[in-house]
């Protein structure tokens, strides 16, 4: 009886994004969603609801696909208090994905709601 440590490397080839699990919230329809930020017609920064499907889970990150697009700013903090169309103030942070993580990530800027 010897113990062995096994580390599996997982390459995800599906299109999508790795996002912090704290960025997700349950939608009223029973599906999942997250929020991004965008300027509305009057130039105010607001939260925009994005529908997502969870494809993979790994530690505190989930791999999702849906209405998210590359280059959008993801709200990753304070999500339970956010509603679509709500005015938000953005505080940019660097993604906290470990560069030595054994999976590919798509870079997505993130923010928290103040």
Protein backbone atom coordinates (compact mmCIF):
# COMPACT_ATOMS: atom_id res chain seq x y z
CA UNK A 1 0.00 0.00 0.00
CA UNK A 2 1.80 3.07 -1.29
CA UNK A 3 0.18 6.43 -1.92
CA UNK A 4 0.54 8.16 -5.26
CA UNK A 5 -0.37 11.67 -6.35
CA UNK A 6 -1.90 11.93 -9.81
CA UNK A 7 -2.33 15.24 -11.65
CA UNK A 8 -4.53 15.22 -14.72
CA UNK A 9 -4.18 17.82 -17.43
CA UNK A 10 -7.45 18.77 -19.06
CA UNK A 11 -7.60 20.61 -22.36
CA UNK A 12 -11.00 22.09 -23.08
CA UNK A 13 -11.59 22.59 -26.79
CA UNK A 14 -15.14 23.89 -26.50
CA UNK A 15 -15.65 27.58 -27.23
CA UNK A 16 -16.28 29.55 -24.06
CA UNK A 17 -14.68 31.23 -21.07
CA UNK A 18 -13.30 30.26 -17.67
CA UNK A 19 -14.96 32.56 -15.13
CA UNK A 20 -14.89 32.66 -11.31
CA UNK A 21 -17.80 30.67 -9.89
CA UNK A 22 -18.69 33.71 -7.75
CA UNK A 23 -19.52 35.58 -10.97
CA UNK A 24 -22.48 33.26 -11.62
CA UNK A 25 -25.97 33.52 -10.23
CA UNK A 26 -29.09 31.47 -10.75
CA UNK A 27 -31.55 33.01 -13.18
CA UNK A 28 -35.27 33.09 -12.38
CA UNK A 29 -35.82 30.53 -15.15
CA UNK A 30 -33.57 28.01 -13.36
CA UNK A 31 -30.62 28.58 -15.69
CA UNK A 32 -27.37 30.43 -14.95
CA UNK A 33 -26.33 33.97 -15.75
CA UNK A 34 -23.55 36.43 -15.11
CA UNK A 35 -23.26 40.16 -15.69
CA UNK A 36 -21.00 42.28 -17.85
CA UNK A 37 -20.77 46.06 -18.05
CA UNK A 38 -21.53 48.32 -20.98
CA UNK A 39 -22.51 51.91 -21.63
CA UNK A 40 -26.19 52.53 -22.31
CA UNK A 41 -27.48 55.04 -24.91
CA UNK A 42 -26.92 57.95 -22.52
CA UNK A 43 -23.31 56.93 -21.74
CA UNK A 44 -24.03 55.52 -18.27
CA UNK A 45 -22.22 52.32 -17.28
CA UNK A 46 -24.79 49.61 -16.54
CA UNK A 47 -24.93 45.88 -15.81
CA UNK A 48 -25.92 43.64 -18.72
CA UNK A 49 -27.27 40.13 -18.04
CA UNK A 50 -25.59 37.28 -19.94
CA UNK A 51 -27.17 33.81 -20.12
CA UNK A 52 -24.62 31.00 -19.74
CA UNK A 53 -24.44 27.23 -19.68
CA UNK A 54 -21.92 25.54 -17.39
CA UNK A 55 -19.76 23.07 -19.32
CA UNK A 56 -16.95 22.27 -16.85
CA UNK A 57 -16.08 23.03 -13.24
CA UNK A 58 -12.56 23.23 -11.81
CA UNK A 59 -11.86 24.45 -8.29
CA UNK A 60 -13.34 27.95 -8.00
CA UNK A 61 -13.68 28.43 -11.76
CA UNK A 62 -16.33 27.27 -14.23
CA UNK A 63 -16.10 27.00 -18.00
CA UNK A 64 -19.19 28.53 -19.59
CA UNK A 65 -20.63 29.32 -22.97
CA UNK A 66 -23.55 31.50 -23.87
CA UNK A 67 -24.04 35.14 -24.71
CA UNK A 68 -20.64 36.22 -23.33
CA UNK A 69 -18.28 37.66 -25.93
CA UNK A 70 -14.54 38.14 -25.94
CA UNK A 71 -13.54 41.59 -24.67
CA UNK A 72 -16.56 42.14 -22.42
CA UNK A 73 -15.88 43.17 -18.82
CA UNK A 74 -17.23 40.59 -16.37
CA UNK A 75 -18.69 41.59 -12.99
CA UNK A 76 -17.21 39.08 -10.57
CA UNK A 77 -18.00 40.59 -7.17
CA UNK A 78 -21.28 41.59 -5.58
CA UNK A 79 -23.27 39.64 -8.18
CA UNK A 80 -26.20 38.75 -5.86
CA UNK A 81 -26.95 42.49 -5.56
CA UNK A 82 -26.85 43.19 -9.31
CA UNK A 83 -29.83 43.52 -11.66
CA UNK A 84 -29.82 44.12 -15.42
CA UNK A 85 -29.77 47.82 -16.28
CA UNK A 86 -28.47 48.84 -12.85
CA UNK A 87 -25.92 51.67 -12.97
CA UNK A 88 -22.53 50.37 -11.82
CA UNK A 89 -19.16 51.84 -11.02
CA UNK A 90 -16.30 49.74 -12.37
CA UNK A 91 -13.12 48.97 -10.46
CA UNK A 92 -10.86 47.03 -12.83
CA UNK A 93 -8.80 44.13 -11.49
CA UNK A 94 -6.52 41.62 -13.11
CA UNK A 95 -7.92 38.10 -13.59
CA UNK A 96 -6.78 35.88 -10.71
CA UNK A 97 -6.25 32.75 -12.80
CA UNK A 98 -3.03 30.97 -11.87
CA UNK A 99 -0.81 31.03 -14.96
CA UNK A 100 0.40 27.54 -14.08
CA UNK A 101 -3.16 26.18 -14.09
CA UNK A 102 -3.44 22.94 -16.08
CA UNK A 103 -6.14 24.27 -18.39
CA UNK A 104 -6.37 26.85 -21.12
CA UNK A 105 -8.12 30.08 -20.25
CA UNK A 106 -9.56 32.83 -22.33
CA UNK A 107 -8.65 36.17 -20.83
CA UNK A 108 -11.61 38.24 -19.77
CA UNK A 109 -11.24 41.52 -17.86
CA UNK A 110 -13.25 41.59 -14.67
CA UNK A 111 -14.66 44.11 -12.27
CA UNK A 112 -16.49 44.29 -8.99
CA UNK A 113 -19.55 46.33 -8.17
CA UNK A 114 -19.20 49.14 -5.66
